[in-house]
PDB file of N, CA and C in Angstrom:
ATOM      1  N   MET A   1     -16.255 103.543-148.263  1.00  0.00           N
ATOM      2  CA  MET A   1     -16.291 104.452-147.142  1.00  0.00           C
ATOM      3  C   MET A   1     -15.679 103.890-145.951  1.00  0.00           C
ATOM      4  N   TYR A   2     -15.845 102.593-145.828  1.00  0.00           N
ATOM      5  CA  TYR A   2     -15.312 101.953-144.563  1.00  0.00           C
ATOM      6  C   TYR A   2     -13.807 101.997-144.630  1.00  0.00           C
ATOM      7  N   LEU A   3     -13.133 101.853-145.788  1.00  0.00           N
ATOM      8  CA  LEU A   3     -11.715 101.859-145.863  1.00  0.00           C
ATOM      9  C   LEU A   3     -11.177 103.266-145.570  1.00  0.00           C
ATOM     10  N   VAL A   4     -11.874 104.217-146.092  1.00  0.00           N
ATOM     11  CA  VAL A   4     -11.477 105.575-145.945  1.00  0.00           C
ATOM     12  C   VAL A   4     -11.521 106.046-144.484  1.00  0.00           C
ATOM     13  N   GLN A   5     -12.645 105.548-143.909  1.00  0.00           N
ATOM     14  CA  GLN A   5     -12.878 105.912-142.486  1.00  0.00           C
ATOM     15  C   GLN A   5     -11.794 105.164-141.556  1.00  0.00           C
ATOM     16  N   VAL A   6     -11.333 104.003-141.882  1.00  0.00           N
ATOM     17  CA  VAL A   6     -10.269 103.280-141.137  1.00  0.00           C
ATOM     18  C   VAL A   6      -8.938 104.071-141.338  1.00  0.00           C
ATOM     19  N   ARG A   7      -8.770 104.603-142.600  1.00  0.00           N
ATOM     20  CA  ARG A   7      -7.428 105.182-142.805  1.00  0.00           C
ATOM     21  C   ARG A   7      -7.471 106.453-142.061  1.00  0.00           C
ATOM     22  N   ARG A   8      -8.591 107.196-142.047  1.00  0.00           N
ATOM     23  CA  ARG A   8      -8.630 108.487-141.233  1.00  0.00           C
ATOM     24  C   ARG A   8      -8.485 108.222-139.738  1.00  0.00           C
ATOM     25  N   LEU A   9      -8.987 107.240-139.141  1.00  0.00           N
ATOM     26  CA  LEU A   9      -8.960 106.841-137.786  1.00  0.00           C
ATOM     27  C   LEU A   9      -7.451 106.360-137.412  1.00  0.00           C
ATOM     28  N   ARG A  10      -6.852 105.732-138.267  1.00  0.00           N
ATOM     29  CA  ARG A  10      -5.474 105.338-137.968  1.00  0.00           C
ATOM     30  C   ARG A  10      -4.489 106.626-138.101  1.00  0.00           C
ATOM     31  N   ALA A  11      -4.852 107.482-138.961  1.00  0.00           N
ATOM     32  CA  ALA A  11      -3.864 108.602-139.179  1.00  0.00           C
ATOM     33  C   ALA A  11      -4.276 109.748-138.106  1.00  0.00           C
ATOM     34  N   LYS A  12      -5.325 109.369-137.336  1.00  0.00           N
ATOM     35  CA  LYS A  12      -5.759 110.298-136.261  1.00  0.00           C
ATOM     36  C   LYS A  12      -6.117 111.664-136.718  1.00  0.00           C
ATOM     37  N   ILE A  13      -6.719 111.700-137.837  1.00  0.00           N
ATOM     38  CA  ILE A  13      -7.287 112.984-138.415  1.00  0.00           C
ATOM     39  C   ILE A  13      -8.557 113.443-137.679  1.00  0.00           C
ATOM     40  N   PRO A  14      -8.494 114.709-137.233  1.00  0.00           N
ATOM     41  CA  PRO A  14      -9.690 115.232-136.434  1.00  0.00           C
ATOM     42  C   PRO A  14     -10.953 115.129-137.242  1.00  0.00           C
ATOM     43  N   PRO A  15     -12.075 114.828-136.469  1.00  0.00           N
ATOM     44  CA  PRO A  15     -13.393 114.688-137.107  1.00  0.00           C
ATOM     45  C   PRO A  15     -13.790 115.935-138.015  1.00  0.00           C
ATOM     46  N   GLY A  16     -13.449 117.129-137.665  1.00  0.00           N
ATOM     47  CA  GLY A  16     -13.952 118.153-138.488  1.00  0.00           C
ATOM     48  C   GLY A  16     -13.268 118.325-139.784  1.00  0.00           C
ATOM     49  N   HIS A  17     -12.161 117.626-140.100  1.00  0.00           N
ATOM     50  CA  HIS A  17     -11.507 117.789-141.485  1.00  0.00           C
ATOM     51  C   HIS A  17     -11.980 116.788-142.426  1.00  0.00           C
ATOM     52  N   GLY A  18     -12.243 117.223-143.681  1.00  0.00           N
ATOM     53  CA  GLY A  18     -12.548 116.326-144.729  1.00  0.00           C
ATOM     54  C   GLY A  18     -14.143 116.146-144.732  1.00  0.00           C
ATOM     55  N   MET A  19     -14.459 115.213-145.533  1.00  0.00           N
ATOM     56  CA  MET A  19     -15.805 114.706-145.581  1.00  0.00           C
ATOM     57  C   MET A  19     -16.322 114.102-144.424  1.00  0.00           C
ATOM     58  N   LYS A  20     -17.580 114.300-143.931  1.00  0.00           N
ATOM     59  CA  LYS A  20     -18.174 113.648-142.833  1.00  0.00           C
ATOM     60  C   LYS A  20     -18.590 112.214-143.158  1.00  0.00           C
ATOM     61  N   LEU A  21     -18.149 111.164-142.547  1.00  0.00           N
ATOM     62  CA  LEU A  21     -18.522 109.760-142.865  1.00  0.00           C
ATOM     63  C   LEU A  21     -19.095 109.194-141.512  1.00  0.00           C
ATOM     64  N   LEU A  22     -19.917 108.162-141.793  1.00  0.00           N
ATOM     65  CA  LEU A  22     -20.574 107.422-140.736  1.00  0.00           C
ATOM     66  C   LEU A  22     -19.607 106.665-139.890  1.00  0.00           C
ATOM     67  N   SER A  23     -20.027 106.250-138.865  1.00  0.00           N
ATOM     68  CA  SER A  23     -19.040 105.403-137.941  1.00  0.00           C
ATOM     69  C   SER A  23     -18.718 104.020-138.617  1.00  0.00           C
ATOM     70  N   LEU A  24     -17.609 103.376-138.104  1.00  0.00           N
ATOM     71  CA  LEU A  24     -17.275 102.102-138.660  1.00  0.00           C
ATOM     72  C   LEU A  24     -18.384 101.108-138.360  1.00  0.00           C
ATOM     73  N   GLU A  25     -18.973 101.255-137.270  1.00  0.00           N
ATOM     74  CA  GLU A  25     -20.040 100.179-136.814  1.00  0.00           C
ATOM     75  C   GLU A  25     -21.195 100.314-137.730  1.00  0.00           C
ATOM     76  N   ARG A  26     -21.613 101.603-138.022  1.00  0.00           N
ATOM     77  CA  ARG A  26     -22.657 101.710-138.891  1.00  0.00           C
ATOM     78  C   ARG A  26     -22.397 101.336-140.485  1.00  0.00           C
ATOM     79  N   LEU A  27     -21.175 101.585-140.835  1.00  0.00           N
ATOM     80  CA  LEU A  27     -20.835 101.176-142.230  1.00  0.00           C
ATOM     81  C   LEU A  27     -20.814  99.709-142.374  1.00  0.00           C
ATOM     82  N   GLU A  28     -20.263  98.978-141.248  1.00  0.00           N
ATOM     83  CA  GLU A  28     -20.272  97.503-141.354  1.00  0.00           C
ATOM     84  C   GLU A  28     -21.721  96.975-141.283  1.00  0.00           C
ATOM     85  N   GLU A  29     -22.442  97.580-140.520  1.00  0.00           N
ATOM     86  CA  GLU A  29     -23.954  97.102-140.436  1.00  0.00           C
ATOM     87  C   GLU A  29     -24.539  97.257-141.868  1.00  0.00           C
ATOM     88  N   MET A  30     -24.261  98.350-142.520  1.00  0.00           N
ATOM     89  CA  MET A  30     -24.924  98.548-143.888  1.00  0.00           C
ATOM     90  C   MET A  30     -24.369  97.562-144.827  1.00  0.00           C
ATOM     91  N   ASN A  31     -23.037  97.215-144.734  1.00  0.00           N
ATOM     92  CA  ASN A  31     -22.304  96.219-145.565  1.00  0.00           C
ATOM     93  C   ASN A  31     -23.069  94.840-145.184  1.00  0.00           C
ATOM     94  N   ARG A  32     -23.295  94.472-144.142  1.00  0.00           N
ATOM     95  CA  ARG A  32     -23.929  93.264-143.741  1.00  0.00           C
ATOM     96  C   ARG A  32     -25.283  93.077-144.307  1.00  0.00           C
ATOM     97  N   ARG A  33     -26.090  94.193-144.173  1.00  0.00           N
ATOM     98  CA  ARG A  33     -27.357  94.082-144.655  1.00  0.00           C
ATOM     99  C   ARG A  33     -27.386  94.013-146.227  1.00  0.00           C
ATOM    100  N   ALA A  34     -26.518  94.634-146.820  1.00  0.00           N
ATOM    101  CA  ALA A  34     -26.392  94.518-148.348  1.00  0.00           C
ATOM    102  C   ALA A  34     -26.088  93.199-148.704  1.00  0.00           C
ATOM    103  N   ILE A  35     -25.216  92.514-147.999  1.00  0.00           N
ATOM    104  CA  ILE A  35     -24.689  91.140-148.359  1.00  0.00           C
ATOM    105  C   ILE A  35     -25.944  90.206-148.040  1.00  0.00           C
ATOM    106  N   ILE A  36     -26.557  90.424-146.975  1.00  0.00           N
ATOM    107  CA  ILE A  36     -27.783  89.517-146.727  1.00  0.00           C
ATOM    108  C   ILE A  36     -28.793  89.634-147.785  1.00  0.00           C
ATOM    109  N   LEU A  37     -29.068  90.698-148.198  1.00  0.00           N
ATOM    110  CA  LEU A  37     -30.208  91.033-149.247  1.00  0.00           C
ATOM    111  C   LEU A  37     -29.728  90.584-150.664  1.00  0.00           C
ATOM    112  N   SER A  38     -28.541  90.889-151.037  1.00  0.00           N
ATOM    113  CA  SER A  38     -28.037  90.786-152.384  1.00  0.00           C
ATOM    114  C   SER A  38     -27.904  89.264-152.744  1.00  0.00           C
ATOM    115  N   PHE A  39     -27.372  88.431-151.851  1.00  0.00           N
ATOM    116  CA  PHE A  39     -27.196  86.974-152.258  1.00  0.00           C
ATOM    117  C   PHE A  39     -28.460  86.229-152.588  1.00  0.00           C
ATOM    118  N   PRO A  40     -29.533  86.286-151.771  1.00  0.00           N
ATOM    119  CA  PRO A  40     -30.693  85.552-152.272  1.00  0.00           C
ATOM    120  C   PRO A  40     -31.348  86.128-153.579  1.00  0.00           C
ATOM    121  N   LEU A  41     -31.225  87.449-153.766  1.00  0.00           N
ATOM    122  CA  LEU A  41     -31.769  88.018-154.993  1.00  0.00           C
ATOM    123  C   LEU A  41     -30.947  87.592-156.179  1.00  0.00           C
ATOM    124  N   LEU A  42     -29.666  87.562-156.063  1.00  0.00           N
ATOM    125  CA  LEU A  42     -28.777  87.148-157.107  1.00  0.00           C
ATOM    126  C   LEU A  42     -29.054  85.568-157.437  1.00  0.00           C
ATOM    127  N   THR A  43     -29.229  84.889-156.360  1.00  0.00           N
ATOM    128  CA  THR A  43     -29.586  83.414-156.537  1.00  0.00           C
ATOM    129  C   THR A  43     -30.788  83.191-157.251  1.00  0.00           C
ATOM    130  N   ALA A  44     -31.783  83.922-156.934  1.00  0.00           N
ATOM    131  CA  ALA A  44     -33.196  83.887-157.551  1.00  0.00           C
ATOM    132  C   ALA A  44     -33.078  84.263-159.090  1.00  0.00           C
ATOM    133  N   GLY A  45     -32.302  85.366-159.272  1.00  0.00           N
ATOM    134  CA  GLY A  45     -31.964  85.815-160.653  1.00  0.00           C
ATOM    135  C   GLY A  45     -31.306  84.672-161.545  1.00  0.00           C
ATOM    136  N   LEU A  46     -30.255  84.036-160.863  1.00  0.00           N
ATOM    137  CA  LEU A  46     -29.554  83.093-161.564  1.00  0.00           C
ATOM    138  C   LEU A  46     -30.435  81.948-161.926  1.00  0.00           C
ATOM    139  N   LEU A  47     -31.326  81.392-160.916  1.00  0.00           N
ATOM    140  CA  LEU A  47     -32.086  80.391-161.204  1.00  0.00           C
ATOM    141  C   LEU A  47     -33.170  80.629-162.238  1.00  0.00           C
ATOM    142  N   VAL A  48     -33.631  81.838-162.296  1.00  0.00           N
ATOM    143  CA  VAL A  48     -34.597  82.162-163.254  1.00  0.00           C
ATOM    144  C   VAL A  48     -33.948  82.216-164.648  1.00  0.00           C
ATOM    145  N   GLY A  49     -32.813  82.764-164.749  1.00  0.00           N
ATOM    146  CA  GLY A  49     -32.129  82.764-166.039  1.00  0.00           C
ATOM    147  C   GLY A  49     -31.688  81.262-166.439  1.00  0.00           C
ATOM    148  N   LEU A  50     -31.272  80.425-165.564  1.00  0.00           N
ATOM    149  CA  LEU A  50     -31.135  78.978-165.925  1.00  0.00           C
ATOM    150  C   LEU A  50     -32.307  78.369-166.422  1.00  0.00           C
ATOM    151  N   ALA A  51     -33.566  78.705-165.744  1.00  0.00           N
ATOM    152  CA  ALA A  51     -34.859  78.120-166.224  1.00  0.00           C
ATOM    153  C   ALA A  51     -35.292  78.653-167.629  1.00  0.00           C
ATOM    154  N   LEU A  52     -34.920  79.960-167.913  1.00  0.00           N
ATOM    155  CA  LEU A  52     -35.198  80.377-169.235  1.00  0.00           C
ATOM    156  C   LEU A  52     -34.331  79.819-170.323  1.00  0.00           C
ATOM    157  N   MET A  53     -33.132  79.543-169.949  1.00  0.00           N
ATOM    158  CA  MET A  53     -32.250  78.718-170.809  1.00  0.00           C
ATOM    159  C   MET A  53     -32.728  77.533-171.162  1.00  0.00           C
ATOM    160  N   LEU A  54     -33.212  76.758-170.247  1.00  0.00           N
ATOM    161  CA  LEU A  54     -33.721  75.406-170.476  1.00  0.00           C
ATOM    162  C   LEU A  54     -34.933  75.432-171.371  1.00  0.00           C
ATOM    163  N   GLU A  55     -35.662  76.441-171.276  1.00  0.00           N
ATOM    164  CA  GLU A  55     -36.838  76.538-172.229  1.00  0.00           C
ATOM    165  C   GLU A  55     -36.525  76.643-173.682  1.00  0.00           C
ATOM    166  N   GLN A  56     -35.332  77.202-174.053  1.00  0.00           N
ATOM    167  CA  GLN A  56     -34.904  77.443-175.447  1.00  0.00           C
ATOM    168  C   GLN A  56     -34.551  76.199-175.926  1.00  0.00           C
ATOM    169  N   ALA A  57     -34.542  76.124-177.259  1.00  0.00           N
ATOM    170  CA  ALA A  57     -34.228  74.924-178.004  1.00  0.00           C
ATOM    171  C   ALA A  57     -32.802  74.383-177.846  1.00  0.00           C
ATOM    172  N   ASP A  58     -31.883  75.285-177.903  1.00  0.00           N
ATOM    173  CA  ASP A  58     -30.488  75.047-177.771  1.00  0.00           C
ATOM    174  C   ASP A  58     -30.030  74.875-176.288  1.00  0.00           C
ATOM    175  N   GLY A  59     -30.792  75.130-175.343  1.00  0.00           N
ATOM    176  CA  GLY A  59     -30.541  74.879-173.927  1.00  0.00           C
ATOM    177  C   GLY A  59     -29.294  75.502-173.451  1.00  0.00           C
ATOM    178  N   PHE A  60     -28.369  74.636-173.007  1.00  0.00           N
ATOM    179  CA  PHE A  60     -27.068  75.219-172.368  1.00  0.00           C
ATOM    180  C   PHE A  60     -25.953  75.427-173.440  1.00  0.00           C
ATOM    181  N   ALA A  61     -26.350  75.519-174.699  1.00  0.00           N
ATOM    182  CA  ALA A  61     -25.210  75.853-175.832  1.00  0.00           C
ATOM    183  C   ALA A  61     -24.593  77.187-175.525  1.00  0.00           C
ATOM    184  N   GLN A  62     -25.318  78.014-174.922  1.00  0.00           N
ATOM    185  CA  GLN A  62     -24.954  79.410-174.724  1.00  0.00           C
ATOM    186  C   GLN A  62     -24.113  79.738-173.489  1.00  0.00           C
ATOM    187  N   LEU A  63     -23.812  78.586-172.737  1.00  0.00           N
ATOM    188  CA  LEU A  63     -23.303  78.737-171.453  1.00  0.00           C
ATOM    189  C   LEU A  63     -21.935  79.415-171.517  1.00  0.00           C
ATOM    190  N   ASN A  64     -21.160  79.454-172.608  1.00  0.00           N
ATOM    191  CA  ASN A  64     -19.946  80.070-172.598  1.00  0.00           C
ATOM    192  C   ASN A  64     -19.980  81.577-172.879  1.00  0.00           C
ATOM    193  N   LEU A  65     -20.984  82.131-172.990  1.00  0.00           N
ATOM    194  CA  LEU A  65     -21.121  83.610-173.177  1.00  0.00           C
ATOM    195  C   LEU A  65     -20.613  84.318-171.944  1.00  0.00           C
ATOM    196  N   PRO A  66     -19.843  85.440-172.139  1.00  0.00           N
ATOM    197  CA  PRO A  66     -19.273  86.168-170.973  1.00  0.00           C
ATOM    198  C   PRO A  66     -20.304  86.631-169.978  1.00  0.00           C
ATOM    199  N   LYS A  67     -21.461  86.912-170.296  1.00  0.00           N
ATOM    200  CA  LYS A  67     -22.500  87.391-169.451  1.00  0.00           C
ATOM    201  C   LYS A  67     -22.958  86.218-168.396  1.00  0.00           C
ATOM    202  N   ILE A  68     -23.011  85.103-169.025  1.00  0.00           N
ATOM    203  CA  ILE A  68     -23.476  83.943-168.203  1.00  0.00           C
ATOM    204  C   ILE A  68     -22.294  83.394-167.303  1.00  0.00           C
ATOM    205  N   LEU A  69     -21.057  83.367-167.846  1.00  0.00           N
ATOM    206  CA  LEU A  69     -20.003  82.989-166.997  1.00  0.00           C
ATOM    207  C   LEU A  69     -19.638  83.940-165.917  1.00  0.00           C
ATOM    208  N   SER A  70     -19.816  85.322-166.230  1.00  0.00           N
ATOM    209  CA  SER A  70     -19.499  86.280-165.206  1.00  0.00           C
ATOM    210  C   SER A  70     -20.547  86.252-164.154  1.00  0.00           C
ATOM    211  N   THR A  71     -21.842  86.034-164.480  1.00  0.00           N
ATOM    212  CA  THR A  71     -22.915  85.939-163.530  1.00  0.00           C
ATOM    213  C   THR A  71     -22.585  84.716-162.412  1.00  0.00           C
ATOM    214  N   ILE A  72     -22.114  83.607-163.064  1.00  0.00           N
ATOM    215  CA  ILE A  72     -21.823  82.441-162.260  1.00  0.00           C
ATOM    216  C   ILE A  72     -20.678  82.749-161.342  1.00  0.00           C
ATOM    217  N   ILE A  73     -19.583  83.397-161.907  1.00  0.00           N
ATOM    218  CA  ILE A  73     -18.482  83.799-161.095  1.00  0.00           C
ATOM    219  C   ILE A  73     -18.830  84.890-159.959  1.00  0.00           C
ATOM    220  N   LEU A  74     -19.836  85.689-160.382  1.00  0.00           N
ATOM    221  CA  LEU A  74     -20.346  86.697-159.397  1.00  0.00           C
ATOM    222  C   LEU A  74     -21.026  85.971-158.288  1.00  0.00           C
ATOM    223  N   TRP A  75     -21.855  85.006-158.645  1.00  0.00           N
ATOM    224  CA  TRP A  75     -22.589  84.176-157.502  1.00  0.00           C
ATOM    225  C   TRP A  75     -21.538  83.495-156.623  1.00  0.00           C
ATOM    226  N   VAL A  76     -20.462  82.885-157.185  1.00  0.00           N
ATOM    227  CA  VAL A  76     -19.358  82.305-156.386  1.00  0.00           C
ATOM    228  C   VAL A  76     -18.733  83.324-155.455  1.00  0.00           C
ATOM    229  N   VAL A  77     -18.375  84.516-155.958  1.00  0.00           N
ATOM    230  CA  VAL A  77     -17.733  85.465-155.295  1.00  0.00           C
ATOM    231  C   VAL A  77     -18.676  85.980-154.006  1.00  0.00           C
ATOM    232  N   PHE A  78     -19.982  86.157-154.343  1.00  0.00           N
ATOM    233  CA  PHE A  78     -20.845  86.474-153.264  1.00  0.00           C
ATOM    234  C   PHE A  78     -21.043  85.448-152.254  1.00  0.00           C
ATOM    235  N   ALA A  79     -20.974  84.108-152.741  1.00  0.00           N
ATOM    236  CA  ALA A  79     -21.039  82.996-151.695  1.00  0.00           C
ATOM    237  C   ALA A  79     -19.730  82.971-150.869  1.00  0.00           C
ATOM    238  N   ILE A  80     -18.624  83.303-151.495  1.00  0.00           N
ATOM    239  CA  ILE A  80     -17.317  83.449-150.599  1.00  0.00           C
ATOM    240  C   ILE A  80     -17.402  84.513-149.661  1.00  0.00           C
ATOM    241  N   LEU A  81     -18.053  85.630-150.068  1.00  0.00           N
ATOM    242  CA  LEU A  81     -18.125  86.812-149.220  1.00  0.00           C
ATOM    243  C   LEU A  81     -19.120  86.531-147.997  1.00  0.00           C
ATOM    244  N   LEU A  82     -20.134  85.771-148.376  1.00  0.00           N
ATOM    245  CA  LEU A  82     -21.175  85.362-147.316  1.00  0.00           C
ATOM    246  C   LEU A  82     -20.490  84.403-146.345  1.00  0.00           C
ATOM    247  N   TYR A  83     -19.618  83.522-146.826  1.00  0.00           N
ATOM    248  CA  TYR A  83     -18.982  82.621-146.007  1.00  0.00           C
ATOM    249  C   TYR A  83     -17.845  83.260-145.118  1.00  0.00           C
ATOM    250  N   LEU A  84     -17.159  84.175-145.694  1.00  0.00           N
ATOM    251  CA  LEU A  84     -16.244  85.049-144.859  1.00  0.00           C
ATOM    252  C   LEU A  84     -16.935  85.743-143.845  1.00  0.00           C
ATOM    253  N   ARG A  85     -18.044  86.282-144.107  1.00  0.00           N
ATOM    254  CA  ARG A  85     -18.770  87.136-143.097  1.00  0.00           C
ATOM    255  C   ARG A  85     -19.366  86.274-141.904  1.00  0.00           C
ATOM    256  N   TYR A  86     -20.039  85.182-142.422  1.00  0.00           N
ATOM    257  CA  TYR A  86     -20.701  84.483-141.347  1.00  0.00           C
ATOM    258  C   TYR A  86     -20.113  83.104-140.978  1.00  0.00           C
ATOM    259  N   GLY A  87     -19.299  82.467-141.874  1.00  0.00           N
ATOM    260  CA  GLY A  87     -18.710  81.229-141.464  1.00  0.00           C
ATOM    261  C   GLY A  87     -17.454  81.435-140.670  1.00  0.00           C
ATOM    262  N   MET A  88     -16.642  82.465-141.251  1.00  0.00           N
ATOM    263  CA  MET A  88     -15.322  82.635-140.563  1.00  0.00           C
ATOM    264  C   MET A  88     -15.397  83.903-139.620  1.00  0.00           C
ATOM    265  N   HIS A  89     -16.501  84.442-139.452  1.00  0.00           N
ATOM    266  CA  HIS A  89     -16.705  85.655-138.755  1.00  0.00           C
ATOM    267  C   HIS A  89     -15.739  86.793-139.039  1.00  0.00           C
ATOM    268  N   ALA A  90     -15.440  87.000-140.468  1.00  0.00           N
ATOM    269  CA  ALA A  90     -14.614  88.035-140.844  1.00  0.00           C
ATOM    270  C   ALA A  90     -15.205  89.360-140.785  1.00  0.00           C
ATOM    271  N   ARG A  91     -14.429  90.340-140.397  1.00  0.00           N
ATOM    272  CA  ARG A  91     -14.930  91.664-140.310  1.00  0.00           C
ATOM    273  C   ARG A  91     -14.068  92.739-140.853  1.00  0.00           C
ATOM    274  N   GLY A  92     -14.472  93.868-141.007  1.00  0.00           N
ATOM    275  CA  GLY A  92     -13.623  95.041-141.317  1.00  0.00           C
ATOM    276  C   GLY A  92     -12.976  94.964-142.677  1.00  0.00           C
ATOM    277  N   ARG A  93     -11.718  95.186-142.787  1.00  0.00           N
ATOM    278  CA  ARG A  93     -11.031  95.400-144.053  1.00  0.00           C
ATOM    279  C   ARG A  93     -11.266  94.177-145.119  1.00  0.00           C
ATOM    280  N   ARG A  94     -11.098  92.923-144.614  1.00  0.00           N
ATOM    281  CA  ARG A  94     -11.319  91.771-145.544  1.00  0.00           C
ATOM    282  C   ARG A  94     -12.614  91.850-146.138  1.00  0.00           C
ATOM    283  N   VAL A  95     -13.734  92.109-145.412  1.00  0.00           N
ATOM    284  CA  VAL A  95     -15.108  92.117-145.888  1.00  0.00           C
ATOM    285  C   VAL A  95     -15.178  93.215-146.850  1.00  0.00           C
ATOM    286  N   ALA A  96     -14.623  94.371-146.544  1.00  0.00           N
ATOM    287  CA  ALA A  96     -14.671  95.637-147.363  1.00  0.00           C
ATOM    288  C   ALA A  96     -14.021  95.418-148.742  1.00  0.00           C
ATOM    289  N   PHE A  97     -12.949  94.751-148.748  1.00  0.00           N
ATOM    290  CA  PHE A  97     -12.184  94.546-150.065  1.00  0.00           C
ATOM    291  C   PHE A  97     -12.899  93.419-150.852  1.00  0.00           C
ATOM    292  N   MET A  98     -13.483  92.426-150.224  1.00  0.00           N
ATOM    293  CA  MET A  98     -14.269  91.442-151.101  1.00  0.00           C
ATOM    294  C   MET A  98     -15.598  92.128-151.552  1.00  0.00           C
ATOM    295  N   THR A  99     -16.088  93.074-150.732  1.00  0.00           N
ATOM    296  CA  THR A  99     -17.220  93.776-151.257  1.00  0.00           C
ATOM    297  C   THR A  99     -16.919  94.562-152.545  1.00  0.00           C
ATOM    298  N   ILE A 100     -15.801  95.186-152.464  1.00  0.00           N
ATOM    299  CA  ILE A 100     -15.410  95.971-153.648  1.00  0.00           C
ATOM    300  C   ILE A 100     -15.145  95.110-154.906  1.00  0.00           C
ATOM    301  N   VAL A 101     -14.554  93.985-154.596  1.00  0.00           N
ATOM    302  CA  VAL A 101     -14.362  93.006-155.746  1.00  0.00           C
ATOM    303  C   VAL A 101     -15.719  92.496-156.298  1.00  0.00           C
ATOM    304  N   ALA A 102     -16.684  92.173-155.480  1.00  0.00           N
ATOM    305  CA  ALA A 102     -18.021  91.764-155.899  1.00  0.00           C
ATOM    306  C   ALA A 102     -18.603  92.864-156.698  1.00  0.00           C
ATOM    307  N   PHE A 103     -18.454  94.162-156.227  1.00  0.00           N
ATOM    308  CA  PHE A 103     -19.179  95.211-156.872  1.00  0.00           C
ATOM    309  C   PHE A 103     -18.605  95.384-158.295  1.00  0.00           C
ATOM    310  N   GLY A 104     -17.309  95.281-158.326  1.00  0.00           N
ATOM    311  CA  GLY A 104     -16.532  95.495-159.633  1.00  0.00           C
ATOM    312  C   GLY A 104     -16.984  94.381-160.622  1.00  0.00           C
ATOM    313  N   LEU A 105     -17.119  93.119-160.211  1.00  0.00           N
ATOM    314  CA  LEU A 105     -17.614  92.130-160.873  1.00  0.00           C
ATOM    315  C   LEU A 105     -19.053  92.227-161.280  1.00  0.00           C
ATOM    316  N   LEU A 106     -19.877  92.737-160.491  1.00  0.00           N
ATOM    317  CA  LEU A 106     -21.199  93.064-160.755  1.00  0.00           C
ATOM    318  C   LEU A 106     -21.244  94.077-161.901  1.00  0.00           C
ATOM    319  N   MET A 107     -20.536  95.140-161.841  1.00  0.00           N
ATOM    320  CA  MET A 107     -20.559  96.107-162.871  1.00  0.00           C
ATOM    321  C   MET A 107     -19.997  95.446-164.194  1.00  0.00           C
ATOM    322  N   PHE A 108     -19.073  94.569-164.248  1.00  0.00           N
ATOM    323  CA  PHE A 108     -18.649  93.936-165.472  1.00  0.00           C
ATOM    324  C   PHE A 108     -19.779  93.023-165.940  1.00  0.00           C
ATOM    325  N   THR A 109     -20.414  92.407-165.113  1.00  0.00           N
ATOM    326  CA  THR A 109     -21.555  91.439-165.494  1.00  0.00           C
ATOM    327  C   THR A 109     -22.723  92.353-166.135  1.00  0.00           C
ATOM    328  N   LEU A 110     -23.065  93.476-165.556  1.00  0.00           N
ATOM    329  CA  LEU A 110     -24.057  94.223-166.077  1.00  0.00           C
ATOM    330  C   LEU A 110     -23.618  94.893-167.464  1.00  0.00           C
ATOM    331  N   VAL A 111     -22.461  95.215-167.650  1.00  0.00           N
ATOM    332  CA  VAL A 111     -21.953  95.868-168.897  1.00  0.00           C
ATOM    333  C   VAL A 111     -21.981  94.659-170.007  1.00  0.00           C
ATOM    334  N   SER A 112     -21.422  93.509-169.551  1.00  0.00           N
ATOM    335  CA  SER A 112     -21.343  92.448-170.646  1.00  0.00           C
ATOM    336  C   SER A 112     -22.654  91.921-171.093  1.00  0.00           C
ATOM    337  N   ALA A 113     -23.641  92.278-170.456  1.00  0.00           N
ATOM    338  CA  ALA A 113     -25.085  91.891-170.846  1.00  0.00           C
ATOM    339  C   ALA A 113     -25.642  92.594-171.928  1.00  0.00           C
ATOM    340  N   HIS A 114     -24.974  93.765-172.204  1.00  0.00           N
ATOM    341  CA  HIS A 114     -25.381  94.612-173.285  1.00  0.00           C
ATOM    342  C   HIS A 114     -24.545  94.578-174.610  1.00  0.00           C
ATOM    343  N   HIS A 115     -25.062  94.562-175.727  1.00  0.00           N
ATOM    344  CA  HIS A 115     -24.374  94.553-177.060  1.00  0.00           C
ATOM    345  C   HIS A 115     -24.225  95.958-177.399  1.00  0.00           C
ATOM    346  N   PHE A 116     -22.924  96.404-177.570  1.00  0.00           N
ATOM    347  CA  PHE A 116     -22.581  97.720-177.985  1.00  0.00           C
ATOM    348  C   PHE A 116     -22.436  97.893-179.465  1.00  0.00           C
ATOM    349  N   GLY A 117     -23.031  98.861-180.100  1.00  0.00           N
ATOM    350  CA  GLY A 117     -22.794  99.115-181.495  1.00  0.00           C
ATOM    351  C   GLY A 117     -21.627  99.748-181.830  1.00  0.00           C
ATOM    352  N   PRO A 118     -21.336 100.184-183.189  1.00  0.00           N
ATOM    353  CA  PRO A 118     -20.213 100.869-183.461  1.00  0.00           C
ATOM    354  C   PRO A 118     -20.041 102.256-182.838  1.00  0.00           C
ATOM    355  N   GLU A 119     -21.058 102.941-182.491  1.00  0.00           N
ATOM    356  CA  GLU A 119     -21.040 104.212-181.849  1.00  0.00           C
ATOM    357  C   GLU A 119     -20.763 104.085-180.329  1.00  0.00           C
ATOM    358  N   GLY A 120     -20.852 102.921-179.793  1.00  0.00           N
ATOM    359  CA  GLY A 120     -20.679 102.679-178.463  1.00  0.00           C
ATOM    360  C   GLY A 120     -21.944 102.746-177.674  1.00  0.00           C
ATOM    361  N   MET A 121     -23.084 102.865-178.328  1.00  0.00           N
ATOM    362  CA  MET A 121     -24.391 102.949-177.648  1.00  0.00           C
ATOM    363  C   MET A 121     -25.100 101.571-177.720  1.00  0.00           C
ATOM    364  N   PRO A 122     -25.731 101.101-176.656  1.00  0.00           N
ATOM    365  CA  PRO A 122     -26.348  99.783-176.604  1.00  0.00           C
ATOM    366  C   PRO A 122     -27.544  99.615-177.584  1.00  0.00           C
TER     367      PRO A 122
END
């Protein structure tokens, strides 16, 4: 929504045309809160998953599975997003693009965690 609103403002489209969106400040605040909330939860989930892997007999033998690798990559992307937002004080389009990349990777991670049968059903 942030990128759509930026495009609408740059094109000087009147407010009454098209779908009504929130202000850029409000959208950026929502994005900031989502980043602040998601990173600690993702870290906790990753640590719990690693602890459960240690309890199994084969331990880290399953580390090359796509769901585990994609989760680690997702954590790194979120760490970069957090660094961009707070370490480099990045705002606007750069953070919006990184959020979209993180969301796409999150969807891939969620889908890769399920085994699909011949009919395509989990």
